[in-house]
Amino acid sequence: MAARDHGVYAISVAAAMVSMEIQNLRVYERRGLLTPDRTAGGTRLYSADDVERLERIRDLLADGLNLAGIARVLELEDEVVRLRSRLDRAEGRAAGEQSA
């Protein structure tokens, strides 16, 4: 089974999965909203994580945010994930020190 972050979907498939136009996916990539994998020949390959991110972008657009606002929301959401991971590691180390 492929990892969620490994690109497997062609741009046409990813666009169809989220009911978007192919050109929109290219714009989102140029704006830095997502970074699909590329084959040696340069073909974009979208992962399951990329498709989820596209769904999030679609939902934020439907809520009335512009691309700059969406970029900020995604940046903050990514930061929350990073901080939670750091906190979990710190709590794990603290628990290990207490049991020693």
PDB file of N, CA and C in Angstrom:
ATOM      1  N   MET A   1       0.844  -1.191   0.000  1.00  0.00           N
ATOM      2  CA  MET A   1       0.000   0.000   0.000  1.00  0.00           C
ATOM      3  C   MET A   1       0.881   1.243   0.000  1.00  0.00           C
ATOM      4  N   ALA A   2       0.544   2.228  -0.804  1.00  0.00           N
ATOM      5  CA  ALA A   2       1.336   3.447  -0.934  1.00  0.00           C
ATOM      6  C   ALA A   2       1.158   4.343   0.279  1.00  0.00           C
ATOM      7  N   ALA A   3       2.215   5.060   0.606  1.00  0.00           N
ATOM      8  CA  ALA A   3       2.142   6.035   1.691  1.00  0.00           C
ATOM      9  C   ALA A   3       1.225   7.178   1.273  1.00  0.00           C
ATOM     10  N   ARG A   4       0.612   7.810   2.253  1.00  0.00           N
ATOM     11  CA  ARG A   4      -0.318   8.907   1.967  1.00  0.00           C
ATOM     12  C   ARG A   4       0.383  10.107   1.333  1.00  0.00           C
ATOM     13  N   ASP A   5       1.696  10.202   1.544  1.00  0.00           N
ATOM     14  CA  ASP A   5       2.414  11.360   1.015  1.00  0.00           C
ATOM     15  C   ASP A   5       3.175  11.046  -0.271  1.00  0.00           C
ATOM     16  N   HIS A   6       2.931   9.892  -0.854  1.00  0.00           N
ATOM     17  CA  HIS A   6       3.595   9.491  -2.104  1.00  0.00           C
ATOM     18  C   HIS A   6       2.665   9.781  -3.278  1.00  0.00           C
ATOM     19  N   GLY A   7       3.161  10.529  -4.258  1.00  0.00           N
ATOM     20  CA  GLY A   7       2.341  10.901  -5.400  1.00  0.00           C
ATOM     21  C   GLY A   7       1.976   9.717  -6.274  1.00  0.00           C
ATOM     22  N   VAL A   8       0.694   9.548  -6.515  1.00  0.00           N
ATOM     23  CA  VAL A   8       0.218   8.449  -7.362  1.00  0.00           C
ATOM     24  C   VAL A   8      -0.823   8.900  -8.384  1.00  0.00           C
ATOM     25  N   TYR A   9      -1.463  10.042  -8.163  1.00  0.00           N
ATOM     26  CA  TYR A   9      -2.551  10.488  -9.035  1.00  0.00           C
ATOM     27  C   TYR A   9      -2.059  11.533 -10.033  1.00  0.00           C
ATOM     28  N   ALA A  10      -2.371  11.327 -11.300  1.00  0.00           N
ATOM     29  CA  ALA A  10      -2.077  12.338 -12.319  1.00  0.00           C
ATOM     30  C   ALA A  10      -2.930  13.573 -12.050  1.00  0.00           C
ATOM     31  N   ILE A  11      -2.532  14.700 -12.604  1.00  0.00           N
ATOM     32  CA  ILE A  11      -3.243  15.951 -12.355  1.00  0.00           C
ATOM     33  C   ILE A  11      -4.714  15.857 -12.763  1.00  0.00           C
ATOM     34  N   SER A  12      -5.007  15.174 -13.864  1.00  0.00           N
ATOM     35  CA  SER A  12      -6.398  15.054 -14.315  1.00  0.00           C
ATOM     36  C   SER A  12      -7.233  14.256 -13.324  1.00  0.00           C
ATOM     37  N   VAL A  13      -6.638  13.225 -12.741  1.00  0.00           N
ATOM     38  CA  VAL A  13      -7.348  12.397 -11.764  1.00  0.00           C
ATOM     39  C   VAL A  13      -7.562  13.181 -10.474  1.00  0.00           C
ATOM     40  N   ALA A  14      -6.510  13.844  -9.993  1.00  0.00           N
ATOM     41  CA  ALA A  14      -6.627  14.631  -8.761  1.00  0.00           C
ATOM     42  C   ALA A  14      -7.670  15.731  -8.926  1.00  0.00           C
ATOM     43  N   ALA A  15      -7.661  16.405 -10.074  1.00  0.00           N
ATOM     44  CA  ALA A  15      -8.640  17.465 -10.323  1.00  0.00           C
ATOM     45  C   ALA A  15     -10.059  16.906 -10.311  1.00  0.00           C
ATOM     46  N   ALA A  16     -10.253  15.766 -10.938  1.00  0.00           N
ATOM     47  CA  ALA A  16     -11.581  15.148 -10.961  1.00  0.00           C
ATOM     48  C   ALA A  16     -12.018  14.725  -9.562  1.00  0.00           C
ATOM     49  N   MET A  17     -11.074  14.244  -8.759  1.00  0.00           N
ATOM     50  CA  MET A  17     -11.410  13.785  -7.406  1.00  0.00           C
ATOM     51  C   MET A  17     -11.961  14.914  -6.539  1.00  0.00           C
ATOM     52  N   VAL A  18     -11.530  16.141  -6.797  1.00  0.00           N
ATOM     53  CA  VAL A  18     -11.962  17.274  -5.973  1.00  0.00           C
ATOM     54  C   VAL A  18     -12.857  18.245  -6.747  1.00  0.00           C
ATOM     55  N   SER A  19     -13.288  17.833  -7.927  1.00  0.00           N
ATOM     56  CA  SER A  19     -14.181  18.648  -8.766  1.00  0.00           C
ATOM     57  C   SER A  19     -13.603  20.032  -9.048  1.00  0.00           C
ATOM     58  N   MET A  20     -12.350  20.050  -9.478  1.00  0.00           N
ATOM     59  CA  MET A  20     -11.679  21.300  -9.839  1.00  0.00           C
ATOM     60  C   MET A  20     -11.147  21.182 -11.260  1.00  0.00           C
ATOM     61  N   GLU A  21     -10.845  22.323 -11.840  1.00  0.00           N
ATOM     62  CA  GLU A  21     -10.211  22.361 -13.153  1.00  0.00           C
ATOM     63  C   GLU A  21      -8.709  22.122 -12.996  1.00  0.00           C
ATOM     64  N   ILE A  22      -8.115  21.468 -13.961  1.00  0.00           N
ATOM     65  CA  ILE A  22      -6.677  21.184 -13.935  1.00  0.00           C
ATOM     66  C   ILE A  22      -5.869  22.471 -13.769  1.00  0.00           C
ATOM     67  N   GLN A  23      -6.268  23.515 -14.478  1.00  0.00           N
ATOM     68  CA  GLN A  23      -5.538  24.781 -14.407  1.00  0.00           C
ATOM     69  C   GLN A  23      -5.509  25.328 -12.981  1.00  0.00           C
ATOM     70  N   ASN A  24      -6.576  25.116 -12.217  1.00  0.00           N
ATOM     71  CA  ASN A  24      -6.598  25.582 -10.828  1.00  0.00           C
ATOM     72  C   ASN A  24      -5.500  24.906 -10.012  1.00  0.00           C
ATOM     73  N   LEU A  25      -5.306  23.613 -10.218  1.00  0.00           N
ATOM     74  CA  LEU A  25      -4.258  22.903  -9.487  1.00  0.00           C
ATOM     75  C   LEU A  25      -2.886  23.482  -9.811  1.00  0.00           C
ATOM     76  N   ARG A  26      -2.690  23.845 -11.060  1.00  0.00           N
ATOM     77  CA  ARG A  26      -1.412  24.466 -11.451  1.00  0.00           C
ATOM     78  C   ARG A  26      -1.230  25.818 -10.768  1.00  0.00           C
ATOM     79  N   VAL A  27      -2.307  26.593 -10.681  1.00  0.00           N
ATOM     80  CA  VAL A  27      -2.252  27.892  -9.998  1.00  0.00           C
ATOM     81  C   VAL A  27      -1.922  27.692  -8.524  1.00  0.00           C
ATOM     82  N   TYR A  28      -2.561  26.732  -7.883  1.00  0.00           N
ATOM     83  CA  TYR A  28      -2.316  26.493  -6.455  1.00  0.00           C
ATOM     84  C   TYR A  28      -0.866  26.089  -6.219  1.00  0.00           C
ATOM     85  N   GLU A  29      -0.310  25.319  -7.145  1.00  0.00           N
ATOM     86  CA  GLU A  29       1.097  24.949  -7.013  1.00  0.00           C
ATOM     87  C   GLU A  29       1.988  26.182  -7.177  1.00  0.00           C
ATOM     88  N   ARG A  30       1.710  27.011  -8.178  1.00  0.00           N
ATOM     89  CA  ARG A  30       2.510  28.236  -8.382  1.00  0.00           C
ATOM     90  C   ARG A  30       2.435  29.150  -7.167  1.00  0.00           C
ATOM     91  N   ARG A  31       1.286  29.174  -6.503  1.00  0.00           N
ATOM     92  CA  ARG A  31       1.094  30.011  -5.318  1.00  0.00           C
ATOM     93  C   ARG A  31       1.677  29.382  -4.060  1.00  0.00           C
ATOM     94  N   GLY A  32       2.174  28.157  -4.163  1.00  0.00           N
ATOM     95  CA  GLY A  32       2.785  27.498  -3.016  1.00  0.00           C
ATOM     96  C   GLY A  32       1.804  26.847  -2.064  1.00  0.00           C
ATOM     97  N   LEU A  33       0.565  26.649  -2.506  1.00  0.00           N
ATOM     98  CA  LEU A  33      -0.441  26.042  -1.636  1.00  0.00           C
ATOM     99  C   LEU A  33      -0.256  24.537  -1.505  1.00  0.00           C
ATOM    100  N   LEU A  34       0.400  23.926  -2.477  1.00  0.00           N
ATOM    101  CA  LEU A  34       0.742  22.513  -2.395  1.00  0.00           C
ATOM    102  C   LEU A  34       1.898  22.239  -3.341  1.00  0.00           C
ATOM    103  N   THR A  35       2.579  21.147  -3.091  1.00  0.00           N
ATOM    104  CA  THR A  35       3.753  20.780  -3.889  1.00  0.00           C
ATOM    105  C   THR A  35       3.668  19.304  -4.246  1.00  0.00           C
ATOM    106  N   PRO A  36       3.035  18.991  -5.372  1.00  0.00           N
ATOM    107  CA  PRO A  36       2.949  17.582  -5.763  1.00  0.00           C
ATOM    108  C   PRO A  36       4.323  17.037  -6.146  1.00  0.00           C
ATOM    109  N   ASP A  37       4.458  15.714  -6.056  1.00  0.00           N
ATOM    110  CA  ASP A  37       5.681  15.066  -6.533  1.00  0.00           C
ATOM    111  C   ASP A  37       5.781  15.270  -8.041  1.00  0.00           C
ATOM    112  N   ARG A  38       6.973  15.045  -8.572  1.00  0.00           N
ATOM    113  CA  ARG A  38       7.193  15.108 -10.018  1.00  0.00           C
ATOM    114  C   ARG A  38       7.936  13.856 -10.456  1.00  0.00           C
ATOM    115  N   THR A  39       7.575  13.364 -11.621  1.00  0.00           N
ATOM    116  CA  THR A  39       8.334  12.261 -12.212  1.00  0.00           C
ATOM    117  C   THR A  39       9.622  12.831 -12.791  1.00  0.00           C
ATOM    118  N   ALA A  40      10.514  11.951 -13.235  1.00  0.00           N
ATOM    119  CA  ALA A  40      11.756  12.400 -13.868  1.00  0.00           C
ATOM    120  C   ALA A  40      11.458  13.270 -15.085  1.00  0.00           C
ATOM    121  N   GLY A  41      10.341  13.021 -15.737  1.00  0.00           N
ATOM    122  CA  GLY A  41       9.941  13.806 -16.901  1.00  0.00           C
ATOM    123  C   GLY A  41       9.176  15.073 -16.562  1.00  0.00           C
ATOM    124  N   GLY A  42       8.930  15.318 -15.274  1.00  0.00           N
ATOM    125  CA  GLY A  42       8.254  16.540 -14.848  1.00  0.00           C
ATOM    126  C   GLY A  42       6.756  16.434 -14.662  1.00  0.00           C
ATOM    127  N   THR A  43       6.178  15.257 -14.862  1.00  0.00           N
ATOM    128  CA  THR A  43       4.741  15.080 -14.680  1.00  0.00           C
ATOM    129  C   THR A  43       4.388  15.167 -13.202  1.00  0.00           C
ATOM    130  N   ARG A  44       3.354  15.941 -12.892  1.00  0.00           N
ATOM    131  CA  ARG A  44       2.906  16.070 -11.509  1.00  0.00           C
ATOM    132  C   ARG A  44       2.206  14.787 -11.066  1.00  0.00           C
ATOM    133  N   LEU A  45       2.508  14.367  -9.837  1.00  0.00           N
ATOM    134  CA  LEU A  45       1.823  13.230  -9.219  1.00  0.00           C
ATOM    135  C   LEU A  45       1.341  13.663  -7.844  1.00  0.00           C
ATOM    136  N   TYR A  46       0.045  13.540  -7.628  1.00  0.00           N
ATOM    137  CA  TYR A  46      -0.581  13.996  -6.392  1.00  0.00           C
ATOM    138  C   TYR A  46      -0.800  12.825  -5.444  1.00  0.00           C
ATOM    139  N   SER A  47      -0.510  13.043  -4.179  1.00  0.00           N
ATOM    140  CA  SER A  47      -0.688  12.026  -3.146  1.00  0.00           C
ATOM    141  C   SER A  47      -2.077  12.161  -2.515  1.00  0.00           C
ATOM    142  N   ALA A  48      -2.421  11.205  -1.672  1.00  0.00           N
ATOM    143  CA  ALA A  48      -3.674  11.294  -0.918  1.00  0.00           C
ATOM    144  C   ALA A  48      -3.659  12.538  -0.032  1.00  0.00           C
ATOM    145  N   ASP A  49      -2.503  12.866   0.555  1.00  0.00           N
ATOM    146  CA  ASP A  49      -2.393  14.091   1.359  1.00  0.00           C
ATOM    147  C   ASP A  49      -2.632  15.328   0.496  1.00  0.00           C
ATOM    148  N   ASP A  50      -2.100  15.329  -0.725  1.00  0.00           N
ATOM    149  CA  ASP A  50      -2.330  16.453  -1.637  1.00  0.00           C
ATOM    150  C   ASP A  50      -3.814  16.595  -1.955  1.00  0.00           C
ATOM    151  N   VAL A  51      -4.488  15.478  -2.182  1.00  0.00           N
ATOM    152  CA  VAL A  51      -5.919  15.515  -2.490  1.00  0.00           C
ATOM    153  C   VAL A  51      -6.692  16.072  -1.301  1.00  0.00           C
ATOM    154  N   GLU A  52      -6.327  15.674  -0.083  1.00  0.00           N
ATOM    155  CA  GLU A  52      -6.976  16.243   1.106  1.00  0.00           C
ATOM    156  C   GLU A  52      -6.742  17.746   1.183  1.00  0.00           C
ATOM    157  N   ARG A  53      -5.533  18.176   0.877  1.00  0.00           N
ATOM    158  CA  ARG A  53      -5.221  19.607   0.895  1.00  0.00           C
ATOM    159  C   ARG A  53      -6.045  20.342  -0.163  1.00  0.00           C
ATOM    160  N   LEU A  54      -6.211  19.740  -1.336  1.00  0.00           N
ATOM    161  CA  LEU A  54      -7.057  20.340  -2.366  1.00  0.00           C
ATOM    162  C   LEU A  54      -8.506  20.448  -1.897  1.00  0.00           C
ATOM    163  N   GLU A  55      -8.982  19.448  -1.184  1.00  0.00           N
ATOM    164  CA  GLU A  55     -10.338  19.516  -0.632  1.00  0.00           C
ATOM    165  C   GLU A  55     -10.445  20.667   0.362  1.00  0.00           C
ATOM    166  N   ARG A  56      -9.410  20.849   1.171  1.00  0.00           N
ATOM    167  CA  ARG A  56      -9.394  21.950   2.140  1.00  0.00           C
ATOM    168  C   ARG A  56      -9.398  23.292   1.407  1.00  0.00           C
ATOM    169  N   ILE A  57      -8.595  23.402   0.357  1.00  0.00           N
ATOM    170  CA  ILE A  57      -8.567  24.626  -0.454  1.00  0.00           C
ATOM    171  C   ILE A  57      -9.951  24.890  -1.038  1.00  0.00           C
ATOM    172  N   ARG A  58     -10.566  23.861  -1.591  1.00  0.00           N
ATOM    173  CA  ARG A  58     -11.909  23.998  -2.171  1.00  0.00           C
ATOM    174  C   ARG A  58     -12.905  24.503  -1.129  1.00  0.00           C
ATOM    175  N   ASP A  59     -12.842  23.927   0.081  1.00  0.00           N
ATOM    176  CA  ASP A  59     -13.763  24.335   1.142  1.00  0.00           C
ATOM    177  C   ASP A  59     -13.525  25.782   1.566  1.00  0.00           C
ATOM    178  N   LEU A  60     -12.265  26.173   1.673  1.00  0.00           N
ATOM    179  CA  LEU A  60     -11.951  27.551   2.061  1.00  0.00           C
ATOM    180  C   LEU A  60     -12.382  28.539   0.978  1.00  0.00           C
ATOM    181  N   LEU A  61     -12.228  28.163  -0.281  1.00  0.00           N
ATOM    182  CA  LEU A  61     -12.730  29.003  -1.372  1.00  0.00           C
ATOM    183  C   LEU A  61     -14.245  29.160  -1.268  1.00  0.00           C
ATOM    184  N   ALA A  62     -14.931  28.066  -0.972  1.00  0.00           N
ATOM    185  CA  ALA A  62     -16.388  28.105  -0.834  1.00  0.00           C
ATOM    186  C   ALA A  62     -16.809  28.987   0.337  1.00  0.00           C
ATOM    187  N   ASP A  63     -15.940  29.082   1.358  1.00  0.00           N
ATOM    188  CA  ASP A  63     -16.220  29.940   2.514  1.00  0.00           C
ATOM    189  C   ASP A  63     -15.920  31.409   2.226  1.00  0.00           C
ATOM    190  N   GLY A  64     -15.377  31.705   1.041  1.00  0.00           N
ATOM    191  CA  GLY A  64     -15.154  33.082   0.644  1.00  0.00           C
ATOM    192  C   GLY A  64     -13.739  33.602   0.798  1.00  0.00           C
ATOM    193  N   LEU A  65     -12.790  32.753   1.177  1.00  0.00           N
ATOM    194  CA  LEU A  65     -11.410  33.210   1.307  1.00  0.00           C
ATOM    195  C   LEU A  65     -10.764  33.338  -0.063  1.00  0.00           C
ATOM    196  N   ASN A  66      -9.863  34.310  -0.191  1.00  0.00           N
ATOM    197  CA  ASN A  66      -9.073  34.412  -1.414  1.00  0.00           C
ATOM    198  C   ASN A  66      -7.817  33.558  -1.251  1.00  0.00           C
ATOM    199  N   LEU A  67      -7.002  33.462  -2.295  1.00  0.00           N
ATOM    200  CA  LEU A  67      -5.840  32.566  -2.243  1.00  0.00           C
ATOM    201  C   LEU A  67      -4.814  33.001  -1.203  1.00  0.00           C
ATOM    202  N   ALA A  68      -4.667  34.304  -0.992  1.00  0.00           N
ATOM    203  CA  ALA A  68      -3.740  34.773   0.048  1.00  0.00           C
ATOM    204  C   ALA A  68      -4.231  34.346   1.428  1.00  0.00           C
ATOM    205  N   GLY A  69      -5.522  34.460   1.661  1.00  0.00           N
ATOM    206  CA  GLY A  69      -6.096  34.028   2.931  1.00  0.00           C
ATOM    207  C   GLY A  69      -5.969  32.527   3.121  1.00  0.00           C
ATOM    208  N   ILE A  70      -6.189  31.784   2.057  1.00  0.00           N
ATOM    209  CA  ILE A  70      -6.055  30.331   2.116  1.00  0.00           C
ATOM    210  C   ILE A  70      -4.613  29.950   2.418  1.00  0.00           C
ATOM    211  N   ALA A  71      -3.669  30.641   1.791  1.00  0.00           N
ATOM    212  CA  ALA A  71      -2.255  30.356   2.059  1.00  0.00           C
ATOM    213  C   ALA A  71      -1.948  30.546   3.536  1.00  0.00           C
ATOM    214  N   ARG A  72      -2.479  31.599   4.125  1.00  0.00           N
ATOM    215  CA  ARG A  72      -2.231  31.868   5.550  1.00  0.00           C
ATOM    216  C   ARG A  72      -2.883  30.802   6.425  1.00  0.00           C
ATOM    217  N   VAL A  73      -4.108  30.429   6.132  1.00  0.00           N
ATOM    218  CA  VAL A  73      -4.795  29.387   6.906  1.00  0.00           C
ATOM    219  C   VAL A  73      -4.011  28.083   6.835  1.00  0.00           C
ATOM    220  N   LEU A  74      -3.594  27.687   5.642  1.00  0.00           N
ATOM    221  CA  LEU A  74      -2.846  26.435   5.487  1.00  0.00           C
ATOM    222  C   LEU A  74      -1.512  26.500   6.219  1.00  0.00           C
ATOM    223  N   GLU A  75      -0.859  27.652   6.159  1.00  0.00           N
ATOM    224  CA  GLU A  75       0.410  27.834   6.871  1.00  0.00           C
ATOM    225  C   GLU A  75       0.209  27.654   8.376  1.00  0.00           C
ATOM    226  N   LEU A  76      -0.845  28.256   8.915  1.00  0.00           N
ATOM    227  CA  LEU A  76      -1.127  28.134  10.347  1.00  0.00           C
ATOM    228  C   LEU A  76      -1.514  26.706  10.722  1.00  0.00           C
ATOM    229  N   GLU A  77      -2.295  26.049   9.879  1.00  0.00           N
ATOM    230  CA  GLU A  77      -2.658  24.659  10.158  1.00  0.00           C
ATOM    231  C   GLU A  77      -1.426  23.760  10.148  1.00  0.00           C
ATOM    232  N   ASP A  78      -0.519  23.988   9.208  1.00  0.00           N
ATOM    233  CA  ASP A  78       0.725  23.212   9.162  1.00  0.00           C
ATOM    234  C   ASP A  78       1.561  23.461  10.412  1.00  0.00           C
ATOM    235  N   GLU A  79       1.592  24.703  10.872  1.00  0.00           N
ATOM    236  CA  GLU A  79       2.354  25.038  12.079  1.00  0.00           C
ATOM    237  C   GLU A  79       1.759  24.346  13.306  1.00  0.00           C
ATOM    238  N   VAL A  80       0.450  24.281  13.400  1.00  0.00           N
ATOM    239  CA  VAL A  80      -0.201  23.578  14.510  1.00  0.00           C
ATOM    240  C   VAL A  80       0.223  22.111  14.521  1.00  0.00           C
ATOM    241  N   VAL A  81       0.258  21.479  13.359  1.00  0.00           N
ATOM    242  CA  VAL A  81       0.677  20.074  13.264  1.00  0.00           C
ATOM    243  C   VAL A  81       2.115  19.920  13.746  1.00  0.00           C
ATOM    244  N   ARG A  82       3.007  20.816  13.299  1.00  0.00           N
ATOM    245  CA  ARG A  82       4.413  20.751  13.729  1.00  0.00           C
ATOM    246  C   ARG A  82       4.539  20.939  15.238  1.00  0.00           C
ATOM    247  N   LEU A  83       3.813  21.901  15.786  1.00  0.00           N
ATOM    248  CA  LEU A  83       3.900  22.163  17.224  1.00  0.00           C
ATOM    249  C   LEU A  83       3.334  21.007  18.043  1.00  0.00           C
ATOM    250  N   ARG A  84       2.252  20.404  17.574  1.00  0.00           N
ATOM    251  CA  ARG A  84       1.699  19.241  18.282  1.00  0.00           C
ATOM    252  C   ARG A  84       2.696  18.093  18.290  1.00  0.00           C
ATOM    253  N   SER A  85       3.381  17.898  17.179  1.00  0.00           N
ATOM    254  CA  SER A  85       4.388  16.843  17.095  1.00  0.00           C
ATOM    255  C   SER A  85       5.524  17.107  18.076  1.00  0.00           C
ATOM    256  N   ARG A  86       5.993  18.342  18.133  1.00  0.00           N
ATOM    257  CA  ARG A  86       7.058  18.699  19.084  1.00  0.00           C
ATOM    258  C   ARG A  86       6.593  18.491  20.519  1.00  0.00           C
ATOM    259  N   LEU A  87       5.361  18.882  20.814  1.00  0.00           N
ATOM    260  CA  LEU A  87       4.818  18.713  22.157  1.00  0.00           C
ATOM    261  C   LEU A  87       4.720  17.238  22.516  1.00  0.00           C
ATOM    262  N   ASP A  88       4.243  16.422  21.596  1.00  0.00           N
ATOM    263  CA  ASP A  88       4.142  14.982  21.848  1.00  0.00           C
ATOM    264  C   ASP A  88       5.509  14.378  22.143  1.00  0.00           C
ATOM    265  N   ARG A  89       6.534  14.784  21.376  1.00  0.00           N
ATOM    266  CA  ARG A  89       7.890  14.276  21.619  1.00  0.00           C
ATOM    267  C   ARG A  89       8.406  14.730  22.979  1.00  0.00           C
ATOM    268  N   ALA A  90       8.159  15.983  23.323  1.00  0.00           N
ATOM    269  CA  ALA A  90       8.617  16.508  24.613  1.00  0.00           C
ATOM    270  C   ALA A  90       7.911  15.797  25.758  1.00  0.00           C
ATOM    271  N   GLU A  91       6.626  15.559  25.615  1.00  0.00           N
ATOM    272  CA  GLU A  91       5.887  14.849  26.659  1.00  0.00           C
ATOM    273  C   GLU A  91       6.385  13.419  26.788  1.00  0.00           C
ATOM    274  N   GLY A  92       6.715  12.791  25.664  1.00  0.00           N
ATOM    275  CA  GLY A  92       7.258  11.430  25.694  1.00  0.00           C
ATOM    276  C   GLY A  92       8.587  11.378  26.409  1.00  0.00           C
ATOM    277  N   ARG A  93       9.455  12.364  26.149  1.00  0.00           N
ATOM    278  CA  ARG A  93      10.750  12.420  26.841  1.00  0.00           C
ATOM    279  C   ARG A  93      10.553  12.656  28.332  1.00  0.00           C
ATOM    280  N   ALA A  94       9.638  13.545  28.676  1.00  0.00           N
ATOM    281  CA  ALA A  94       9.386  13.845  30.085  1.00  0.00           C
ATOM    282  C   ALA A  94       8.845  12.616  30.805  1.00  0.00           C
ATOM    283  N   ALA A  95       7.964  11.876  30.156  1.00  0.00           N
ATOM    284  CA  ALA A  95       7.419  10.660  30.766  1.00  0.00           C
ATOM    285  C   ALA A  95       8.516   9.623  30.946  1.00  0.00           C
ATOM    286  N   GLY A  96       9.424   9.526  29.976  1.00  0.00           N
ATOM    287  CA  GLY A  96      10.546   8.592  30.073  1.00  0.00           C
ATOM    288  C   GLY A  96      11.487   8.959  31.204  1.00  0.00           C
ATOM    289  N   GLU A  97      11.721  10.244  31.404  1.00  0.00           N
ATOM    290  CA  GLU A  97      12.597  10.700  32.485  1.00  0.00           C
ATOM    291  C   GLU A  97      11.968  10.446  33.846  1.00  0.00           C
ATOM    292  N   GLN A  98      10.661  10.599  33.945  1.00  0.00           N
ATOM    293  CA  GLN A  98       9.975  10.375  35.217  1.00  0.00           C
ATOM    294  C   GLN A  98       9.980   8.906  35.603  1.00  0.00           C
ATOM    295  N   SER A  99       9.912   8.021  34.613  1.00  0.00           N
ATOM    296  CA  SER A  99       9.871   6.591  34.920  1.00  0.00           C
ATOM    297  C   SER A  99      11.265   6.026  35.171  1.00  0.00           C
ATOM    298  N   ALA A 100      12.303   6.806  34.868  1.00  0.00           N
ATOM    299  CA  ALA A 100      13.681   6.319  35.056  1.00  0.00           C
ATOM    300  C   ALA A 100      14.175   6.529  36.463  1.00  0.00           C
TER     301      ALA A 100
END
